[in-house]
Amino acid sequence: ASETYALDQIGAKYLDDVKPGEMVIATADQLVRK
């Protein structure tokens, strides 16, 4: 989400920000960062 507030409202635990220049691929079981 654009903001951590939205993560809070859906009950998701904040992990990290997508870094500048980074791509993140998420499946239900895995998070891959490049």
Full PDB file with SEQRES, HELIX, SHEET, SSBOND, CRYST1, ORIGX, SCALE, CONECT and MASTER records, all heavy atoms in Angstrom:
SEQRES   1 A   34  ALA SER GLU THR TYR ALA LEU ASP GLN ILE GLY ALA LYS          
SEQRES   2 A   34  TYR LEU ASP ASP VAL LYS PRO GLY GLU MET VAL ILE ALA          
SEQRES   3 A   34  THR ALA ASP GLN LEU VAL ARG LYS                              
HELIX    1 AA1 THR A    4  GLN A    9  1                                   6    
SHEET    1 AA1 2 VAL A  24  ALA A  26  0                                        
SHEET    2 AA1 2 LEU A  31  ARG A  33 -1                                        
CRYST1    1.000    1.000    1.000  90.00  90.00  90.00 P 1           1          
ORIGX1      1.000000  0.000000  0.000000        0.00000                         
ORIGX2      0.000000  1.000000  0.000000        0.00000                         
ORIGX3      0.000000  0.000000  1.000000        0.00000                         
SCALE1      1.000000  0.000000  0.000000        0.00000                         
SCALE2      0.000000  1.000000  0.000000        0.00000                         
SCALE3      0.000000  0.000000  1.000000        0.00000                         
ATOM      1  N   ALA A   1       0.831  -1.209   0.000  1.00  0.00           N  
ATOM      2  CA  ALA A   1       0.000   0.000   0.000  1.00  0.00           C  
ATOM      3  C   ALA A   1       0.860   1.252   0.000  1.00  0.00           C  
ATOM      4  O   ALA A   1       2.020   1.225   0.426  1.00  0.00           O  
ATOM      5  CB  ALA A   1      -0.929   0.009   1.216  1.00  0.00           C  
ATOM      6  N   SER A   2       0.267   2.350  -0.458  1.00  0.00           N  
ATOM      7  CA  SER A   2       0.974   3.630  -0.470  1.00  0.00           C  
ATOM      8  C   SER A   2       1.352   4.076   0.932  1.00  0.00           C  
ATOM      9  O   SER A   2       2.395   4.711   1.134  1.00  0.00           O  
ATOM     10  CB  SER A   2       0.113   4.713  -1.128  1.00  0.00           C  
ATOM     11  OG  SER A   2      -0.038   4.481  -2.505  1.00  0.00           O  
ATOM     12  N   GLU A   3       0.485   3.768   1.910  1.00  0.00           N  
ATOM     13  CA  GLU A   3       0.737   4.230   3.271  1.00  0.00           C  
ATOM     14  C   GLU A   3       0.604   3.093   4.272  1.00  0.00           C  
ATOM     15  O   GLU A   3      -0.220   2.182   4.090  1.00  0.00           O  
ATOM     16  CB  GLU A   3      -0.235   5.354   3.647  1.00  0.00           C  
ATOM     17  CG  GLU A   3      -0.036   6.622   2.844  1.00  0.00           C  
ATOM     18  CD  GLU A   3      -0.845   7.784   3.402  1.00  0.00           C  
ATOM     19  OE1 GLU A   3      -1.037   7.851   4.640  1.00  0.00           O  
ATOM     20  OE2 GLU A   3      -1.289   8.620   2.602  1.00  0.00           O  
ATOM     21  N   THR A   4       1.382   3.175   5.341  1.00  0.00           N  
ATOM     22  CA  THR A   4       1.322   2.146   6.379  1.00  0.00           C  
ATOM     23  C   THR A   4      -0.014   2.164   7.107  1.00  0.00           C  
ATOM     24  O   THR A   4      -0.422   1.148   7.665  1.00  0.00           O  
ATOM     25  CB  THR A   4       2.462   2.331   7.399  1.00  0.00           C  
ATOM     26  OG1 THR A   4       2.320   3.610   8.053  1.00  0.00           O  
ATOM     27  CG2 THR A   4       3.826   2.277   6.709  1.00  0.00           C  
ATOM     28  N   TYR A   5      -0.700   3.310   7.100  1.00  0.00           N  
ATOM     29  CA  TYR A   5      -2.013   3.378   7.745  1.00  0.00           C  
ATOM     30  C   TYR A   5      -2.974   2.378   7.118  1.00  0.00           C  
ATOM     31  O   TYR A   5      -3.765   1.733   7.811  1.00  0.00           O  
ATOM     32  CB  TYR A   5      -2.581   4.792   7.636  1.00  0.00           C  
ATOM     33  CG  TYR A   5      -3.944   4.960   8.283  1.00  0.00           C  
ATOM     34  CD1 TYR A   5      -4.053   5.204   9.648  1.00  0.00           C  
ATOM     35  CD2 TYR A   5      -5.108   4.873   7.528  1.00  0.00           C  
ATOM     36  CE1 TYR A   5      -5.302   5.355  10.254  1.00  0.00           C  
ATOM     37  CE2 TYR A   5      -6.354   5.024   8.111  1.00  0.00           C  
ATOM     38  CZ  TYR A   5      -6.444   5.262   9.472  1.00  0.00           C  
ATOM     39  OH  TYR A   5      -7.682   5.398  10.057  1.00  0.00           O  
ATOM     40  N   ALA A   6      -2.919   2.240   5.787  1.00  0.00           N  
ATOM     41  CA  ALA A   6      -3.784   1.275   5.095  1.00  0.00           C  
ATOM     42  C   ALA A   6      -3.434  -0.147   5.517  1.00  0.00           C  
ATOM     43  O   ALA A   6      -4.325  -0.989   5.695  1.00  0.00           O  
ATOM     44  CB  ALA A   6      -3.646   1.438   3.589  1.00  0.00           C  
ATOM     45  N   LEU A   7      -2.148  -0.439   5.675  1.00  0.00           N  
ATOM     46  CA  LEU A   7      -1.738  -1.767   6.158  1.00  0.00           C  
ATOM     47  C   LEU A   7      -2.305  -2.020   7.546  1.00  0.00           C  
ATOM     48  O   LEU A   7      -2.782  -3.118   7.851  1.00  0.00           O  
ATOM     49  CB  LEU A   7      -0.215  -1.881   6.174  1.00  0.00           C  
ATOM     50  CG  LEU A   7       0.512  -1.741   4.834  1.00  0.00           C  
ATOM     51  CD1 LEU A   7       2.015  -1.843   5.047  1.00  0.00           C  
ATOM     52  CD2 LEU A   7       0.041  -2.787   3.835  1.00  0.00           C  
ATOM     53  N   ASP A   8      -2.251  -1.006   8.397  1.00  0.00           N  
ATOM     54  CA  ASP A   8      -2.785  -1.145   9.762  1.00  0.00           C  
ATOM     55  C   ASP A   8      -4.270  -1.490   9.733  1.00  0.00           C  
ATOM     56  O   ASP A   8      -4.735  -2.339  10.501  1.00  0.00           O  
ATOM     57  CB  ASP A   8      -2.584   0.157  10.548  1.00  0.00           C  
ATOM     58  CG  ASP A   8      -1.128   0.493  10.797  1.00  0.00           C  
ATOM     59  OD1 ASP A   8      -0.291  -0.435  10.734  1.00  0.00           O  
ATOM     60  OD2 ASP A   8      -0.832   1.670  11.050  1.00  0.00           O  
ATOM     61  N   GLN A   9      -5.023  -0.841   8.853  1.00  0.00           N  
ATOM     62  CA  GLN A   9      -6.472  -1.017   8.824  1.00  0.00           C  
ATOM     63  C   GLN A   9      -6.891  -2.398   8.336  1.00  0.00           C  
ATOM     64  O   GLN A   9      -7.972  -2.880   8.696  1.00  0.00           O  
ATOM     65  CB  GLN A   9      -7.122   0.063   7.954  1.00  0.00           C  
ATOM     66  CG  GLN A   9      -6.933   1.475   8.493  1.00  0.00           C  
ATOM     67  CD  GLN A   9      -7.345   1.602   9.954  1.00  0.00           C  
ATOM     68  OE1 GLN A   9      -8.513   1.383  10.288  1.00  0.00           O  
ATOM     69  NE2 GLN A   9      -6.412   1.929  10.828  1.00  0.00           N  
ATOM     70  N   ILE A  10      -6.053  -3.034   7.545  1.00  0.00           N  
ATOM     71  CA  ILE A  10      -6.396  -4.389   7.095  1.00  0.00           C  
ATOM     72  C   ILE A  10      -5.729  -5.454   7.956  1.00  0.00           C  
ATOM     73  O   ILE A  10      -5.832  -6.651   7.669  1.00  0.00           O  
ATOM     74  CB  ILE A  10      -6.044  -4.604   5.606  1.00  0.00           C  
ATOM     75  CG1 ILE A  10      -4.537  -4.479   5.370  1.00  0.00           C  
ATOM     76  CG2 ILE A  10      -6.812  -3.618   4.745  1.00  0.00           C  
ATOM     77  CD1 ILE A  10      -4.144  -4.701   3.909  1.00  0.00           C  
ATOM     78  N   GLY A  11      -5.054  -5.019   9.013  1.00  0.00           N  
ATOM     79  CA  GLY A  11      -4.464  -5.961   9.956  1.00  0.00           C  
ATOM     80  C   GLY A  11      -3.150  -6.557   9.512  1.00  0.00           C  
ATOM     81  O   GLY A  11      -2.730  -7.608  10.022  1.00  0.00           O  
ATOM     82  N   ALA A  12      -2.471  -5.920   8.553  1.00  0.00           N  
ATOM     83  CA  ALA A  12      -1.184  -6.417   8.075  1.00  0.00           C  
ATOM     84  C   ALA A  12      -0.051  -5.834   8.913  1.00  0.00           C  
ATOM     85  O   ALA A  12      -0.070  -4.658   9.274  1.00  0.00           O  
ATOM     86  CB  ALA A  12      -0.981  -6.050   6.606  1.00  0.00           C  
ATOM     87  N   LYS A  13       0.928  -6.657   9.225  1.00  0.00           N  
ATOM     88  CA  LYS A  13       2.103  -6.216   9.971  1.00  0.00           C  
ATOM     89  C   LYS A  13       3.110  -5.594   9.011  1.00  0.00           C  
ATOM     90  O   LYS A  13       3.554  -6.221   8.043  1.00  0.00           O  
ATOM     91  CB  LYS A  13       2.750  -7.390  10.701  1.00  0.00           C  
ATOM     92  CG  LYS A  13       3.986  -7.003  11.507  1.00  0.00           C  
ATOM     93  CD  LYS A  13       4.607  -8.214  12.180  1.00  0.00           C  
ATOM     94  CE  LYS A  13       5.869  -7.819  12.953  1.00  0.00           C  
ATOM     95  NZ  LYS A  13       6.510  -9.002  13.577  1.00  0.00           N  
ATOM     96  N   TYR A  14       3.467  -4.364   9.272  1.00  0.00           N  
ATOM     97  CA  TYR A  14       4.434  -3.668   8.420  1.00  0.00           C  
ATOM     98  C   TYR A  14       5.776  -4.405   8.431  1.00  0.00           C  
ATOM     99  O   TYR A  14       6.320  -4.727   9.487  1.00  0.00           O  
ATOM    100  CB  TYR A  14       4.618  -2.234   8.907  1.00  0.00           C  
ATOM    101  CG  TYR A  14       5.791  -1.509   8.299  1.00  0.00           C  
ATOM    102  CD1 TYR A  14       5.733  -1.033   6.994  1.00  0.00           C  
ATOM    103  CD2 TYR A  14       6.957  -1.302   9.032  1.00  0.00           C  
ATOM    104  CE1 TYR A  14       6.806  -0.371   6.428  1.00  0.00           C  
ATOM    105  CE2 TYR A  14       8.039  -0.638   8.480  1.00  0.00           C  
ATOM    106  CZ  TYR A  14       7.964  -0.173   7.170  1.00  0.00           C  
ATOM    107  OH  TYR A  14       9.038   0.484   6.610  1.00  0.00           O  
ATOM    108  N   LEU A  15       6.291  -4.667   7.244  1.00  0.00           N  
ATOM    109  CA  LEU A  15       7.592  -5.323   7.114  1.00  0.00           C  
ATOM    110  C   LEU A  15       8.688  -4.350   6.700  1.00  0.00           C  
ATOM    111  O   LEU A  15       9.751  -4.294   7.308  1.00  0.00           O  
ATOM    112  CB  LEU A  15       7.511  -6.457   6.083  1.00  0.00           C  
ATOM    113  CG  LEU A  15       6.607  -7.642   6.412  1.00  0.00           C  
ATOM    114  CD1 LEU A  15       6.638  -8.659   5.268  1.00  0.00           C  
ATOM    115  CD2 LEU A  15       7.034  -8.304   7.719  1.00  0.00           C  
ATOM    116  N   ASP A  16       8.421  -3.581   5.649  1.00  0.00           N  
ATOM    117  CA  ASP A  16       9.456  -2.709   5.102  1.00  0.00           C  
ATOM    118  C   ASP A  16       8.836  -1.839   4.026  1.00  0.00           C  
ATOM    119  O   ASP A  16       7.715  -2.091   3.564  1.00  0.00           O  
ATOM    120  CB  ASP A  16      10.585  -3.554   4.502  1.00  0.00           C  
ATOM    121  CG  ASP A  16      11.890  -2.786   4.321  1.00  0.00           C  
ATOM    122  OD1 ASP A  16      11.936  -1.596   4.696  1.00  0.00           O  
ATOM    123  OD2 ASP A  16      12.856  -3.374   3.788  1.00  0.00           O  
ATOM    124  N   ASP A  17       9.572  -0.835   3.589  1.00  0.00           N  
ATOM    125  CA  ASP A  17       9.194  -0.063   2.413  1.00  0.00           C  
ATOM    126  C   ASP A  17       9.807  -0.704   1.177  1.00  0.00           C  
ATOM    127  O   ASP A  17      10.883  -1.310   1.245  1.00  0.00           O  
ATOM    128  CB  ASP A  17       9.697   1.379   2.517  1.00  0.00           C  
ATOM    129  CG  ASP A  17       9.040   2.148   3.647  1.00  0.00           C  
ATOM    130  OD1 ASP A  17       7.900   1.813   4.009  1.00  0.00           O  
ATOM    131  OD2 ASP A  17       9.682   3.078   4.170  1.00  0.00           O  
ATOM    132  N   VAL A  18       9.132  -0.592   0.061  1.00  0.00           N  
ATOM    133  CA  VAL A  18       9.782  -0.887  -1.202  1.00  0.00           C  
ATOM    134  C   VAL A  18      10.872   0.168  -1.370  1.00  0.00           C  
ATOM    135  O   VAL A  18      10.611   1.362  -1.262  1.00  0.00           O  
ATOM    136  CB  VAL A  18       8.787  -0.842  -2.373  1.00  0.00           C  
ATOM    137  CG1 VAL A  18       9.496  -1.087  -3.704  1.00  0.00           C  
ATOM    138  CG2 VAL A  18       7.671  -1.863  -2.165  1.00  0.00           C  
ATOM    139  N   LYS A  19      12.097  -0.268  -1.616  1.00  0.00           N  
ATOM    140  CA  LYS A  19      13.219   0.658  -1.687  1.00  0.00           C  
ATOM    141  C   LYS A  19      13.213   1.413  -3.014  1.00  0.00           C  
ATOM    142  O   LYS A  19      12.701   0.920  -4.028  1.00  0.00           O  
ATOM    143  CB  LYS A  19      14.538  -0.094  -1.540  1.00  0.00           C  
ATOM    144  CG  LYS A  19      14.645  -0.951  -0.294  1.00  0.00           C  
ATOM    145  CD  LYS A  19      14.506  -0.136   0.979  1.00  0.00           C  
ATOM    146  CE  LYS A  19      14.712  -1.015   2.221  1.00  0.00           C  
ATOM    147  NZ  LYS A  19      14.428  -0.260   3.468  1.00  0.00           N  
ATOM    148  N   PRO A  20      13.793   2.599  -3.045  1.00  0.00           N  
ATOM    149  CA  PRO A  20      13.943   3.287  -4.330  1.00  0.00           C  
ATOM    150  C   PRO A  20      14.682   2.409  -5.335  1.00  0.00           C  
ATOM    151  O   PRO A  20      15.728   1.834  -5.027  1.00  0.00           O  
ATOM    152  CB  PRO A  20      14.776   4.523  -3.959  1.00  0.00           C  
ATOM    153  CG  PRO A  20      14.460   4.775  -2.520  1.00  0.00           C  
ATOM    154  CD  PRO A  20      14.282   3.414  -1.911  1.00  0.00           C  
ATOM    155  N   GLY A  21      14.093   2.259  -6.522  1.00  0.00           N  
ATOM    156  CA  GLY A  21      14.697   1.438  -7.553  1.00  0.00           C  
ATOM    157  C   GLY A  21      14.474  -0.054  -7.405  1.00  0.00           C  
ATOM    158  O   GLY A  21      15.069  -0.847  -8.135  1.00  0.00           O  
ATOM    159  N   GLU A  22      13.590  -0.460  -6.493  1.00  0.00           N  
ATOM    160  CA  GLU A  22      13.390  -1.875  -6.203  1.00  0.00           C  
ATOM    161  C   GLU A  22      12.072  -2.388  -6.786  1.00  0.00           C  
ATOM    162  O   GLU A  22      11.088  -1.656  -6.861  1.00  0.00           O  
ATOM    163  CB  GLU A  22      13.380  -2.105  -4.697  1.00  0.00           C  
ATOM    164  CG  GLU A  22      13.259  -3.574  -4.295  1.00  0.00           C  
ATOM    165  CD  GLU A  22      13.207  -3.787  -2.786  1.00  0.00           C  
ATOM    166  OE1 GLU A  22      12.558  -2.975  -2.093  1.00  0.00           O  
ATOM    167  OE2 GLU A  22      13.816  -4.755  -2.307  1.00  0.00           O  
ATOM    168  N   MET A  23      12.064  -3.670  -7.173  1.00  0.00           N  
ATOM    169  CA  MET A  23      10.860  -4.377  -7.566  1.00  0.00           C  
ATOM    170  C   MET A  23      10.606  -5.510  -6.579  1.00  0.00           C  
ATOM    171  O   MET A  23      11.533  -6.213  -6.171  1.00  0.00           O  
ATOM    172  CB  MET A  23      11.003  -4.958  -8.977  1.00  0.00           C  
ATOM    173  CG  MET A  23       9.780  -5.728  -9.455  1.00  0.00           C  
ATOM    174  SD  MET A  23       9.884  -6.255 -11.205  1.00  0.00           S  
ATOM    175  CE  MET A  23      11.013  -7.651 -11.056  1.00  0.00           C  
ATOM    176  N   VAL A  24       9.348  -5.676  -6.184  1.00  0.00           N  
ATOM    177  CA  VAL A  24       8.956  -6.712  -5.230  1.00  0.00           C  
ATOM    178  C   VAL A  24       7.901  -7.594  -5.887  1.00  0.00           C  
ATOM    179  O   VAL A  24       6.932  -7.085  -6.461  1.00  0.00           O  
ATOM    180  CB  VAL A  24       8.390  -6.083  -3.939  1.00  0.00           C  
ATOM    181  CG1 VAL A  24       7.845  -7.152  -3.018  1.00  0.00           C  
ATOM    182  CG2 VAL A  24       9.459  -5.262  -3.228  1.00  0.00           C  
ATOM    183  N   ILE A  25       8.100  -8.894  -5.812  1.00  0.00           N  
ATOM    184  CA  ILE A  25       7.148  -9.859  -6.357  1.00  0.00           C  
ATOM    185  C   ILE A  25       6.584 -10.669  -5.197  1.00  0.00           C  
ATOM    186  O   ILE A  25       7.341 -11.285  -4.441  1.00  0.00           O  
ATOM    187  CB  ILE A  25       7.817 -10.801  -7.373  1.00  0.00           C  
ATOM    188  CG1 ILE A  25       8.474  -9.991  -8.493  1.00  0.00           C  
ATOM    189  CG2 ILE A  25       6.794 -11.788  -7.948  1.00  0.00           C  
ATOM    190  CD1 ILE A  25       9.340 -10.827  -9.416  1.00  0.00           C  
ATOM    191  N   ALA A  26       5.255 -10.664  -5.047  1.00  0.00           N  
ATOM    192  CA  ALA A  26       4.619 -11.346  -3.926  1.00  0.00           C  
ATOM    193  C   ALA A  26       3.652 -12.406  -4.420  1.00  0.00           C  
ATOM    194  O   ALA A  26       2.806 -12.147  -5.278  1.00  0.00           O  
ATOM    195  CB  ALA A  26       3.875 -10.341  -3.038  1.00  0.00           C  
ATOM    196  N   THR A  27       3.810 -13.613  -3.891  1.00  0.00           N  
ATOM    197  CA  THR A  27       2.777 -14.627  -3.959  1.00  0.00           C  
ATOM    198  C   THR A  27       2.267 -14.799  -2.531  1.00  0.00           C  
ATOM    199  O   THR A  27       2.770 -14.164  -1.602  1.00  0.00           O  
ATOM    200  CB  THR A  27       3.322 -15.960  -4.503  1.00  0.00           C  
ATOM    201  OG1 THR A  27       4.310 -16.470  -3.591  1.00  0.00           O  
ATOM    202  CG2 THR A  27       3.955 -15.767  -5.873  1.00  0.00           C  
ATOM    203  N   ALA A  28       1.286 -15.657  -2.340  1.00  0.00           N  
ATOM    204  CA  ALA A  28       0.748 -15.829  -0.988  1.00  0.00           C  
ATOM    205  C   ALA A  28       1.787 -16.401  -0.037  1.00  0.00           C  
ATOM    206  O   ALA A  28       1.724 -16.177   1.178  1.00  0.00           O  
ATOM    207  CB  ALA A  28      -0.487 -16.729  -1.026  1.00  0.00           C  
ATOM    208  N   ASP A  29       2.782 -17.114  -0.575  1.00  0.00           N  
ATOM    209  CA  ASP A  29       3.763 -17.799   0.264  1.00  0.00           C  
ATOM    210  C   ASP A  29       5.141 -17.161   0.267  1.00  0.00           C  
ATOM    211  O   ASP A  29       5.968 -17.480   1.127  1.00  0.00           O  
ATOM    212  CB  ASP A  29       3.928 -19.258  -0.192  1.00  0.00           C  
ATOM    213  CG  ASP A  29       2.662 -20.067  -0.017  1.00  0.00           C  
ATOM    214  OD1 ASP A  29       2.149 -20.097   1.105  1.00  0.00           O  
ATOM    215  OD2 ASP A  29       2.185 -20.643  -1.014  1.00  0.00           O  
ATOM    216  N   GLN A  30       5.402 -16.271  -0.667  1.00  0.00           N  
ATOM    217  CA  GLN A  30       6.783 -15.836  -0.846  1.00  0.00           C  
ATOM    218  C   GLN A  30       6.866 -14.382  -1.288  1.00  0.00           C  
ATOM    219  O   GLN A  30       6.000 -13.888  -2.017  1.00  0.00           O  
ATOM    220  CB  GLN A  30       7.471 -16.731  -1.889  1.00  0.00           C  
ATOM    221  CG  GLN A  30       8.957 -16.516  -2.017  1.00  0.00           C  
ATOM    222  CD  GLN A  30       9.581 -17.463  -3.034  1.00  0.00           C  
ATOM    223  OE1 GLN A  30       8.914 -17.920  -3.965  1.00  0.00           O  
ATOM    224  NE2 GLN A  30      10.857 -17.770  -2.869  1.00  0.00           N  
ATOM    225  N   LEU A  31       7.929 -13.731  -0.841  1.00  0.00           N  
ATOM    226  CA  LEU A  31       8.225 -12.361  -1.239  1.00  0.00           C  
ATOM    227  C   LEU A  31       9.633 -12.338  -1.826  1.00  0.00           C  
ATOM    228  O   LEU A  31      10.597 -12.709  -1.159  1.00  0.00           O  
ATOM    229  CB  LEU A  31       8.137 -11.427  -0.035  1.00  0.00           C  
ATOM    230  CG  LEU A  31       8.117  -9.921  -0.298  1.00  0.00           C  
ATOM    231  CD1 LEU A  31       6.799  -9.508  -0.943  1.00  0.00           C  
ATOM    232  CD2 LEU A  31       8.321  -9.147   1.005  1.00  0.00           C  
ATOM    233  N   VAL A  32       9.734 -11.926  -3.085  1.00  0.00           N  
ATOM    234  CA  VAL A  32      11.026 -11.845  -3.765  1.00  0.00           C  
ATOM    235  C   VAL A  32      11.318 -10.382  -4.066  1.00  0.00           C  
ATOM    236  O   VAL A  32      10.461  -9.668  -4.602  1.00  0.00           O  
ATOM    237  CB  VAL A  32      11.013 -12.661  -5.074  1.00  0.00           C  
ATOM    238  CG1 VAL A  32      12.344 -12.510  -5.808  1.00  0.00           C  
ATOM    239  CG2 VAL A  32      10.734 -14.134  -4.779  1.00  0.00           C  
ATOM    240  N   ARG A  33      12.523  -9.946  -3.727  1.00  0.00           N  
ATOM    241  CA  ARG A  33      12.888  -8.546  -3.904  1.00  0.00           C  
ATOM    242  C   ARG A  33      14.092  -8.446  -4.844  1.00  0.00           C  
ATOM    243  O   ARG A  33      15.035  -9.215  -4.729  1.00  0.00           O  
ATOM    244  CB  ARG A  33      13.190  -7.901  -2.551  1.00  0.00           C  
ATOM    245  CG  ARG A  33      12.092  -8.126  -1.537  1.00  0.00           C  
ATOM    246  CD  ARG A  33      12.368  -7.485  -0.202  1.00  0.00           C  
ATOM    247  NE  ARG A  33      12.331  -6.034  -0.269  1.00  0.00           N  
ATOM    248  CZ  ARG A  33      12.268  -5.237   0.801  1.00  0.00           C  
ATOM    249  NH1 ARG A  33      12.237  -5.767   2.014  1.00  0.00           N  
ATOM    250  NH2 ARG A  33      12.238  -3.935   0.674  1.00  0.00           N  
ATOM    251  N   LYS A  34      14.049  -7.476  -5.755  1.00  0.00           N  
ATOM    252  CA  LYS A  34      15.132  -7.301  -6.717  1.00  0.00           C  
ATOM    253  C   LYS A  34      15.410  -5.822  -6.920  1.00  0.00           C  
ATOM    254  O   LYS A  34      14.497  -5.049  -7.234  1.00  0.00           O  
ATOM    255  CB  LYS A  34      14.757  -7.961  -8.055  1.00  0.00           C  
ATOM    256  CG  LYS A  34      15.863  -7.884  -9.104  1.00  0.00           C  
ATOM    257  CD  LYS A  34      15.478  -8.637 -10.368  1.00  0.00           C  
ATOM    258  CE  LYS A  34      16.601  -8.603 -11.390  1.00  0.00           C  
ATOM    259  NZ  LYS A  34      16.248  -9.356 -12.625  1.00  0.00           N  
TER     260      LYS A  34                                                      
MASTER        0    0    0    1    2    0    0    6  259    1    0    3          
END                                                                             
